[in-house]
């Protein structure tokens, strides 16, 4: 039996979590999420930006938040039985993706003004993956934040294969129990006839520190391939200053 009373059309997926309708977050789906900072926010500041760097400066990027992010990815996939074949959760950092009958030709990453900028290319298996986790410290307990990333479904529309991955964002307490603080399904990354980067994300208020942001990919049908770039955490406020942790741009 479900121990939670899910609100606003949410359904109890197990005794500890509500599966919320799109646009609602938190443990019982009570809070409406604007998903991204809207134009009404007059004070928007980038706290964290991960662009994956460029071919010319990849080695200095194996530090700080970028190193921790990649280390988390490796740890997650090693736990699943990592091997060196593409069809078993292999990922790449690439500056271009070559076209064939099934894949889009991606001539550059999504980051503006990058020269040979890198993007994160990942194979998504049928059972889905936990894409990455980021631990955040010293966030303002009453500040409004937005977490987002850009996604590209590399498989062309009507290519004959490839599912449409669903992106799920979770906010968890960064502790042994890892209690769920917010959960939102932001929808599919669909196939397209032309190359289309889509920004997906959600907005939230931090109830406690530290927290962990988790991005999970679910998929129905066939396996798929995603490109990810420009992972960003921003503060957004209308009429009062918010606490911004030390800025990071990597």
C-alpha atoms as a PDB file:
ATOM      1  CA  UNK A   1       0.000   0.000   0.000  1.00  0.00           C
ATOM      2  CA  UNK A   2       1.090   3.563  -0.671  1.00  0.00           C
ATOM      3  CA  UNK A   3       2.247   5.563   2.342  1.00  0.00           C
ATOM      4  CA  UNK A   4       2.038   8.877   0.457  1.00  0.00           C
ATOM      5  CA  UNK A   5      -0.972  10.916  -0.627  1.00  0.00           C
ATOM      6  CA  UNK A   6      -0.045  12.034  -4.131  1.00  0.00           C
ATOM      7  CA  UNK A   7      -1.510  15.373  -5.194  1.00  0.00           C
ATOM      8  CA  UNK A   8      -2.381  17.030  -8.539  1.00  0.00           C
ATOM      9  CA  UNK A   9      -2.882  13.808 -10.450  1.00  0.00           C
ATOM     10  CA  UNK A  10       0.301  12.130  -9.245  1.00  0.00           C
ATOM     11  CA  UNK A  11       0.387   8.359  -8.910  1.00  0.00           C
ATOM     12  CA  UNK A  12       2.124   6.368  -6.207  1.00  0.00           C
ATOM     13  CA  UNK A  13       4.839   4.375  -7.953  1.00  0.00           C
ATOM     14  CA  UNK A  14       5.939   2.708  -4.725  1.00  0.00           C
ATOM     15  CA  UNK A  15       5.562   3.311  -0.999  1.00  0.00           C
ATOM     16  CA  UNK A  16       8.214   6.038  -1.016  1.00  0.00           C
ATOM     17  CA  UNK A  17       7.645   8.055  -4.206  1.00  0.00           C
ATOM     18  CA  UNK A  18       4.901   9.740  -6.226  1.00  0.00           C
ATOM     19  CA  UNK A  19       5.184   9.811  -9.996  1.00  0.00           C
ATOM     20  CA  UNK A  20       4.092  13.377 -10.728  1.00  0.00           C
ATOM     21  CA  UNK A  21       2.282  14.807 -13.705  1.00  0.00           C
ATOM     22  CA  UNK A  22       4.453  17.004 -15.905  1.00  0.00           C
ATOM     23  CA  UNK A  23       4.923  20.421 -14.314  1.00  0.00           C
ATOM     24  CA  UNK A  24       4.676  19.333 -10.663  1.00  0.00           C
ATOM     25  CA  UNK A  25       7.434  18.339  -8.259  1.00  0.00           C
ATOM     26  CA  UNK A  26       8.255  17.460  -4.645  1.00  0.00           C
ATOM     27  CA  UNK A  27       7.551  14.278  -2.776  1.00  0.00           C
ATOM     28  CA  UNK A  28       3.737  14.433  -3.087  1.00  0.00           C
ATOM     29  CA  UNK A  29       3.547  16.535  -6.301  1.00  0.00           C
ATOM     30  CA  UNK A  30       2.197  19.578  -4.454  1.00  0.00           C
ATOM     31  CA  UNK A  31       4.606  22.130  -5.942  1.00  0.00           C
ATOM     32  CA  UNK A  32       4.216  23.486  -9.457  1.00  0.00           C
ATOM     33  CA  UNK A  33       7.518  23.743 -11.309  1.00  0.00           C
ATOM     34  CA  UNK A  34       8.017  26.259 -14.093  1.00  0.00           C
ATOM     35  CA  UNK A  35      10.728  23.865 -15.308  1.00  0.00           C
ATOM     36  CA  UNK A  36      12.975  26.748 -16.394  1.00  0.00           C
ATOM     37  CA  UNK A  37      13.485  30.304 -15.171  1.00  0.00           C
ATOM     38  CA  UNK A  38      10.930  32.405 -17.039  1.00  0.00           C
ATOM     39  CA  UNK A  39      11.227  35.981 -18.275  1.00  0.00           C
ATOM     40  CA  UNK A  40       9.619  37.313 -15.096  1.00  0.00           C
ATOM     41  CA  UNK A  41      12.828  36.600 -13.176  1.00  0.00           C
ATOM     42  CA  UNK A  42      14.924  39.753 -13.250  1.00  0.00           C
ATOM     43  CA  UNK A  43      17.892  38.427 -11.283  1.00  0.00           C
ATOM     44  CA  UNK A  44      19.319  35.368 -13.056  1.00  0.00           C
ATOM     45  CA  UNK A  45      22.856  34.217 -12.238  1.00  0.00           C
ATOM     46  CA  UNK A  46      24.752  31.152 -13.446  1.00  0.00           C
ATOM     47  CA  UNK A  47      26.192  29.209 -10.507  1.00  0.00           C
ATOM     48  CA  UNK A  48      27.491  26.183 -12.406  1.00  0.00           C
ATOM     49  CA  UNK A  49      28.102  25.587 -16.115  1.00  0.00           C
ATOM     50  CA  UNK A  50      29.542  22.392 -17.595  1.00  0.00           C
ATOM     51  CA  UNK A  51      30.305  22.636 -21.324  1.00  0.00           C
ATOM     52  CA  UNK A  52      32.842  19.744 -21.419  1.00  0.00           C
ATOM     53  CA  UNK A  53      35.512  22.082 -22.770  1.00  0.00           C
ATOM     54  CA  UNK A  54      37.260  21.793 -26.131  1.00  0.00           C
ATOM     55  CA  UNK A  55      39.775  19.459 -27.740  1.00  0.00           C
ATOM     56  CA  UNK A  56      42.563  21.938 -26.992  1.00  0.00           C
ATOM     57  CA  UNK A  57      41.927  22.121 -23.258  1.00  0.00           C
ATOM     58  CA  UNK A  58      40.439  18.746 -22.316  1.00  0.00           C
ATOM     59  CA  UNK A  59      43.190  17.817 -19.857  1.00  0.00           C
ATOM     60  CA  UNK A  60      42.787  20.825 -17.525  1.00  0.00           C
ATOM     61  CA  UNK A  61      39.111  19.921 -17.293  1.00  0.00           C
ATOM     62  CA  UNK A  62      39.788  16.752 -15.331  1.00  0.00           C
ATOM     63  CA  UNK A  63      39.502  18.703 -12.111  1.00  0.00           C
ATOM     64  CA  UNK A  64      36.868  20.143  -9.819  1.00  0.00           C
ATOM     65  CA  UNK A  65      33.179  19.608 -10.639  1.00  0.00           C
ATOM     66  CA  UNK A  66      33.874  18.180 -14.099  1.00  0.00           C
ATOM     67  CA  UNK A  67      36.143  15.485 -12.661  1.00  0.00           C
ATOM     68  CA  UNK A  68      33.570  14.632  -9.982  1.00  0.00           C
ATOM     69  CA  UNK A  69      30.811  14.416 -12.577  1.00  0.00           C
ATOM     70  CA  UNK A  70      32.781  12.076 -14.847  1.00  0.00           C
ATOM     71  CA  UNK A  71      33.945  10.036 -11.862  1.00  0.00           C
ATOM     72  CA  UNK A  72      30.297   9.562 -10.867  1.00  0.00           C
ATOM     73  CA  UNK A  73      29.427   8.418 -14.389  1.00  0.00           C
ATOM     74  CA  UNK A  74      32.286   5.912 -14.391  1.00  0.00           C
ATOM     75  CA  UNK A  75      31.353   4.660 -10.923  1.00  0.00           C
ATOM     76  CA  UNK A  76      27.711   4.175 -11.916  1.00  0.00           C
ATOM     77  CA  UNK A  77      28.584   2.254 -15.046  1.00  0.00           C
ATOM     78  CA  UNK A  78      31.319   0.191 -13.432  1.00  0.00           C
ATOM     79  CA  UNK A  79      28.711  -0.936 -10.920  1.00  0.00           C
ATOM     80  CA  UNK A  80      26.640  -2.247 -13.824  1.00  0.00           C
ATOM     81  CA  UNK A  81      29.433  -4.366 -15.304  1.00  0.00           C
ATOM     82  CA  UNK A  82      31.363  -1.975 -17.518  1.00  0.00           C
ATOM     83  CA  UNK A  83      33.038  -3.252 -20.660  1.00  0.00           C
ATOM     84  CA  UNK A  84      34.645  -1.556 -23.644  1.00  0.00           C
ATOM     85  CA  UNK A  85      31.903  -2.130 -26.209  1.00  0.00           C
ATOM     86  CA  UNK A  86      29.661   0.700 -27.365  1.00  0.00           C
ATOM     87  CA  UNK A  87      26.491  -1.355 -26.877  1.00  0.00           C
ATOM     88  CA  UNK A  88      27.135  -1.790 -23.160  1.00  0.00           C
ATOM     89  CA  UNK A  89      26.790   1.752 -21.835  1.00  0.00           C
ATOM     90  CA  UNK A  90      29.865   3.166 -23.525  1.00  0.00           C
ATOM     91  CA  UNK A  91      30.136   6.953 -23.743  1.00  0.00           C
ATOM     92  CA  UNK A  92      32.365   9.393 -25.578  1.00  0.00           C
ATOM     93  CA  UNK A  93      33.413  13.034 -25.496  1.00  0.00           C
ATOM     94  CA  UNK A  94      33.328  14.143 -29.130  1.00  0.00           C
ATOM     95  CA  UNK A  95      33.512  17.376 -31.117  1.00  0.00           C
ATOM     96  CA  UNK A  96      31.540  16.064 -34.126  1.00  0.00           C
ATOM     97  CA  UNK A  97      29.197  13.184 -34.968  1.00  0.00           C
ATOM     98  CA  UNK A  98      29.450  11.764 -38.481  1.00  0.00           C
ATOM     99  CA  UNK A  99      26.234  11.169 -40.388  1.00  0.00           C
ATOM    100  CA  UNK A 100      25.031   7.887 -41.804  1.00  0.00           C
ATOM    101  CA  UNK A 101      21.602   6.642 -42.849  1.00  0.00           C
ATOM    102  CA  UNK A 102      20.416   6.605 -39.238  1.00  0.00           C
ATOM    103  CA  UNK A 103      22.319   9.350 -37.385  1.00  0.00           C
ATOM    104  CA  UNK A 104      22.297  13.109 -37.708  1.00  0.00           C
ATOM    105  CA  UNK A 105      25.489  14.836 -38.809  1.00  0.00           C
ATOM    106  CA  UNK A 106      26.496  17.022 -35.846  1.00  0.00           C
ATOM    107  CA  UNK A 107      29.182  19.443 -37.023  1.00  0.00           C
ATOM    108  CA  UNK A 108      29.773  21.139 -33.661  1.00  0.00           C
ATOM    109  CA  UNK A 109      28.754  21.028 -30.024  1.00  0.00           C
ATOM    110  CA  UNK A 110      25.908  23.168 -28.707  1.00  0.00           C
ATOM    111  CA  UNK A 111      28.033  25.686 -26.726  1.00  0.00           C
ATOM    112  CA  UNK A 112      28.142  29.098 -28.470  1.00  0.00           C
ATOM    113  CA  UNK A 113      31.553  30.317 -29.702  1.00  0.00           C
ATOM    114  CA  UNK A 114      33.322  27.034 -28.933  1.00  0.00           C
ATOM    115  CA  UNK A 115      36.072  25.981 -31.342  1.00  0.00           C
ATOM    116  CA  UNK A 116      36.090  22.184 -31.549  1.00  0.00           C
ATOM    117  CA  UNK A 117      33.967  22.133 -28.413  1.00  0.00           C
ATOM    118  CA  UNK A 118      33.158  18.774 -26.838  1.00  0.00           C
ATOM    119  CA  UNK A 119      29.793  17.196 -26.111  1.00  0.00           C
ATOM    120  CA  UNK A 120      28.856  14.091 -24.145  1.00  0.00           C
ATOM    121  CA  UNK A 121      27.642  11.234 -26.394  1.00  0.00           C
ATOM    122  CA  UNK A 122      25.988   8.273 -24.685  1.00  0.00           C
ATOM    123  CA  UNK A 123      24.306   5.044 -25.735  1.00  0.00           C
ATOM    124  CA  UNK A 124      20.969   4.554 -23.923  1.00  0.00           C
ATOM    125  CA  UNK A 125      20.044   0.870 -23.495  1.00  0.00           C
ATOM    126  CA  UNK A 126      16.482  -0.443 -23.366  1.00  0.00           C
ATOM    127  CA  UNK A 127      16.412  -0.526 -19.573  1.00  0.00           C
ATOM    128  CA  UNK A 128      17.497   3.130 -19.319  1.00  0.00           C
ATOM    129  CA  UNK A 129      20.360   4.615 -17.331  1.00  0.00           C
ATOM    130  CA  UNK A 130      21.191   6.972 -14.503  1.00  0.00           C
ATOM    131  CA  UNK A 131      23.008   9.517 -16.636  1.00  0.00           C
ATOM    132  CA  UNK A 132      24.823  11.504 -13.957  1.00  0.00           C
ATOM    133  CA  UNK A 133      24.731  12.807 -10.397  1.00  0.00           C
ATOM    134  CA  UNK A 134      25.970  16.156  -9.142  1.00  0.00           C
ATOM    135  CA  UNK A 135      26.406  16.955  -5.452  1.00  0.00           C
ATOM    136  CA  UNK A 136      25.764  20.597  -4.500  1.00  0.00           C
ATOM    137  CA  UNK A 137      26.815  22.277  -1.272  1.00  0.00           C
ATOM    138  CA  UNK A 138      26.002  25.632   0.314  1.00  0.00           C
ATOM    139  CA  UNK A 139      22.915  26.463  -1.707  1.00  0.00           C
ATOM    140  CA  UNK A 140      20.586  29.108  -0.290  1.00  0.00           C
ATOM    141  CA  UNK A 141      17.810  27.378   1.638  1.00  0.00           C
ATOM    142  CA  UNK A 142      15.153  29.819   0.380  1.00  0.00           C
ATOM    143  CA  UNK A 143      16.580  30.622  -3.049  1.00  0.00           C
ATOM    144  CA  UNK A 144      14.952  29.618  -6.320  1.00  0.00           C
ATOM    145  CA  UNK A 145      17.187  27.519  -8.593  1.00  0.00           C
ATOM    146  CA  UNK A 146      16.983  26.143 -12.108  1.00  0.00           C
ATOM    147  CA  UNK A 147      18.875  23.045 -13.244  1.00  0.00           C
ATOM    148  CA  UNK A 148      18.952  22.219 -16.944  1.00  0.00           C
ATOM    149  CA  UNK A 149      20.878  20.619 -19.794  1.00  0.00           C
ATOM    150  CA  UNK A 150      20.643  20.465 -23.572  1.00  0.00           C
ATOM    151  CA  UNK A 151      19.793  17.128 -25.190  1.00  0.00           C
ATOM    152  CA  UNK A 152      19.918  15.929 -28.795  1.00  0.00           C
ATOM    153  CA  UNK A 153      18.428  12.680 -30.075  1.00  0.00           C
ATOM    154  CA  UNK A 154      21.115  11.635 -32.538  1.00  0.00           C
ATOM    155  CA  UNK A 155      18.863   9.074 -34.263  1.00  0.00           C
ATOM    156  CA  UNK A 156      17.024  10.581 -37.239  1.00  0.00           C
ATOM    157  CA  UNK A 157      13.259  10.554 -37.556  1.00  0.00           C
ATOM    158  CA  UNK A 158      12.022   7.472 -39.442  1.00  0.00           C
ATOM    159  CA  UNK A 159      15.478   5.949 -39.299  1.00  0.00           C
ATOM    160  CA  UNK A 160      13.988   2.548 -38.631  1.00  0.00           C
ATOM    161  CA  UNK A 161      15.411   2.167 -35.134  1.00  0.00           C
ATOM    162  CA  UNK A 162      16.017   4.027 -31.909  1.00  0.00           C
ATOM    163  CA  UNK A 163      13.625   4.802 -29.074  1.00  0.00           C
ATOM    164  CA  UNK A 164      12.639   8.200 -27.693  1.00  0.00           C
ATOM    165  CA  UNK A 165      14.335   8.674 -24.308  1.00  0.00           C
ATOM    166  CA  UNK A 166      12.405  10.218 -21.425  1.00  0.00           C
ATOM    167  CA  UNK A 167      14.353  12.577 -19.141  1.00  0.00           C
ATOM    168  CA  UNK A 168      13.704  12.537 -15.388  1.00  0.00           C
ATOM    169  CA  UNK A 169      15.204  14.975 -12.885  1.00  0.00           C
ATOM    170  CA  UNK A 170      15.424  14.185  -9.179  1.00  0.00           C
ATOM    171  CA  UNK A 171      16.544  16.267  -6.226  1.00  0.00           C
ATOM    172  CA  UNK A 172      17.741  14.167  -3.293  1.00  0.00           C
ATOM    173  CA  UNK A 173      19.132  14.832   0.145  1.00  0.00           C
ATOM    174  CA  UNK A 174      22.850  14.091  -0.051  1.00  0.00           C
ATOM    175  CA  UNK A 175      22.975  11.629   2.803  1.00  0.00           C
ATOM    176  CA  UNK A 176      23.135   7.882   3.269  1.00  0.00           C
ATOM    177  CA  UNK A 177      19.351   7.555   2.943  1.00  0.00           C
ATOM    178  CA  UNK A 178      19.198   9.942  -0.024  1.00  0.00           C
ATOM    179  CA  UNK A 179      15.564  10.893   0.619  1.00  0.00           C
ATOM    180  CA  UNK A 180      13.705  12.191  -2.433  1.00  0.00           C
ATOM    181  CA  UNK A 181      12.963  15.932  -2.271  1.00  0.00           C
ATOM    182  CA  UNK A 182      11.680  16.561  -5.801  1.00  0.00           C
ATOM    183  CA  UNK A 183      10.892  14.481  -8.872  1.00  0.00           C
ATOM    184  CA  UNK A 184       9.811  15.619 -12.325  1.00  0.00           C
ATOM    185  CA  UNK A 185       9.463  13.905 -15.679  1.00  0.00           C
ATOM    186  CA  UNK A 186      10.239  16.586 -18.282  1.00  0.00           C
ATOM    187  CA  UNK A 187       9.233  14.508 -21.277  1.00  0.00           C
ATOM    188  CA  UNK A 188      10.770  12.824 -24.288  1.00  0.00           C
ATOM    189  CA  UNK A 189      13.693  13.778 -26.488  1.00  0.00           C
ATOM    190  CA  UNK A 190      11.985  12.971 -29.795  1.00  0.00           C
ATOM    191  CA  UNK A 191      13.385  12.024 -33.167  1.00  0.00           C
ATOM    192  CA  UNK A 192      13.506  14.907 -35.624  1.00  0.00           C
ATOM    193  CA  UNK A 193      14.067  15.356 -39.351  1.00  0.00           C
ATOM    194  CA  UNK A 194      16.556  18.123 -38.656  1.00  0.00           C
ATOM    195  CA  UNK A 195      19.159  18.394 -35.918  1.00  0.00           C
ATOM    196  CA  UNK A 196      17.453  19.920 -32.848  1.00  0.00           C
ATOM    197  CA  UNK A 197      18.994  20.632 -29.431  1.00  0.00           C
ATOM    198  CA  UNK A 198      16.323  20.716 -26.697  1.00  0.00           C
ATOM    199  CA  UNK A 199      16.752  22.314 -23.284  1.00  0.00           C
ATOM    200  CA  UNK A 200      15.194  20.310 -20.457  1.00  0.00           C
ATOM    201  CA  UNK A 201      15.214  21.167 -16.784  1.00  0.00           C
ATOM    202  CA  UNK A 202      13.248  22.156 -13.711  1.00  0.00           C
ATOM    203  CA  UNK A 203      13.146  24.808 -11.023  1.00  0.00           C
ATOM    204  CA  UNK A 204      13.190  24.195  -7.285  1.00  0.00           C
ATOM    205  CA  UNK A 205      13.767  25.653  -3.830  1.00  0.00           C
ATOM    206  CA  UNK A 206      16.346  23.867  -1.692  1.00  0.00           C
ATOM    207  CA  UNK A 207      14.837  22.656   1.609  1.00  0.00           C
ATOM    208  CA  UNK A 208      18.133  21.458   3.075  1.00  0.00           C
ATOM    209  CA  UNK A 209      21.876  21.158   2.342  1.00  0.00           C
ATOM    210  CA  UNK A 210      23.727  19.440   0.801  1.00  0.00           C
ATOM    211  CA  UNK A 211      21.648  18.036  -2.062  1.00  0.00           C
ATOM    212  CA  UNK A 212      22.260  15.796  -5.045  1.00  0.00           C
ATOM    213  CA  UNK A 213      20.821  16.339  -8.530  1.00  0.00           C
ATOM    214  CA  UNK A 214      20.198  13.115 -10.445  1.00  0.00           C
ATOM    215  CA  UNK A 215      19.338  12.798 -14.141  1.00  0.00           C
ATOM    216  CA  UNK A 216      17.794   9.499 -15.237  1.00  0.00           C
ATOM    217  CA  UNK A 217      16.908   8.402 -18.764  1.00  0.00           C
ATOM    218  CA  UNK A 218      13.994   6.011 -19.295  1.00  0.00           C
ATOM    219  CA  UNK A 219      13.185   4.600 -22.705  1.00  0.00           C
ATOM    220  CA  UNK A 220      10.472   2.598 -24.433  1.00  0.00           C
ATOM    221  CA  UNK A 221      11.163   0.544 -27.510  1.00  0.00           C
ATOM    222  CA  UNK A 222      14.589   0.390 -29.068  1.00  0.00           C
ATOM    223  CA  UNK A 223      17.939   1.592 -27.765  1.00  0.00           C
ATOM    224  CA  UNK A 224      18.912   5.169 -28.512  1.00  0.00           C
ATOM    225  CA  UNK A 225      21.848   7.578 -28.674  1.00  0.00           C
ATOM    226  CA  UNK A 226      21.865  10.994 -26.991  1.00  0.00           C
ATOM    227  CA  UNK A 227      24.211  13.954 -27.083  1.00  0.00           C
ATOM    228  CA  UNK A 228      24.276  16.182 -23.973  1.00  0.00           C
ATOM    229  CA  UNK A 229      25.847  19.607 -23.527  1.00  0.00           C
ATOM    230  CA  UNK A 230      25.750  22.807 -21.455  1.00  0.00           C
ATOM    231  CA  UNK A 231      24.668  21.465 -18.060  1.00  0.00           C
ATOM    232  CA  UNK A 232      23.737  24.501 -15.995  1.00  0.00           C
ATOM    233  CA  UNK A 233      22.593  25.547 -12.521  1.00  0.00           C
ATOM    234  CA  UNK A 234      21.160  29.073 -12.212  1.00  0.00           C
ATOM    235  CA  UNK A 235      19.591  31.145  -9.476  1.00  0.00           C
ATOM    236  CA  UNK A 236      16.517  33.127 -10.438  1.00  0.00           C
ATOM    237  CA  UNK A 237      14.625  35.708  -8.414  1.00  0.00           C
ATOM    238  CA  UNK A 238      12.110  38.495  -9.008  1.00  0.00           C
ATOM    239  CA  UNK A 239      12.497  41.177  -6.387  1.00  0.00           C
ATOM    240  CA  UNK A 240      15.013  40.126  -3.787  1.00  0.00           C
ATOM    241  CA  UNK A 241      18.647  38.995  -3.850  1.00  0.00           C
ATOM    242  CA  UNK A 242      19.397  35.293  -3.597  1.00  0.00           C
ATOM    243  CA  UNK A 243      22.416  33.474  -2.263  1.00  0.00           C
ATOM    244  CA  UNK A 244      24.708  32.385  -5.083  1.00  0.00           C
ATOM    245  CA  UNK A 245      27.464  29.849  -4.300  1.00  0.00           C
ATOM    246  CA  UNK A 246      30.930  30.539  -5.729  1.00  0.00           C
ATOM    247  CA  UNK A 247      30.600  30.599  -9.515  1.00  0.00           C
ATOM    248  CA  UNK A 248      31.962  27.748 -11.586  1.00  0.00           C
ATOM    249  CA  UNK A 249      32.225  27.575 -15.355  1.00  0.00           C
ATOM    250  CA  UNK A 250      33.890  24.472 -16.754  1.00  0.00           C
END
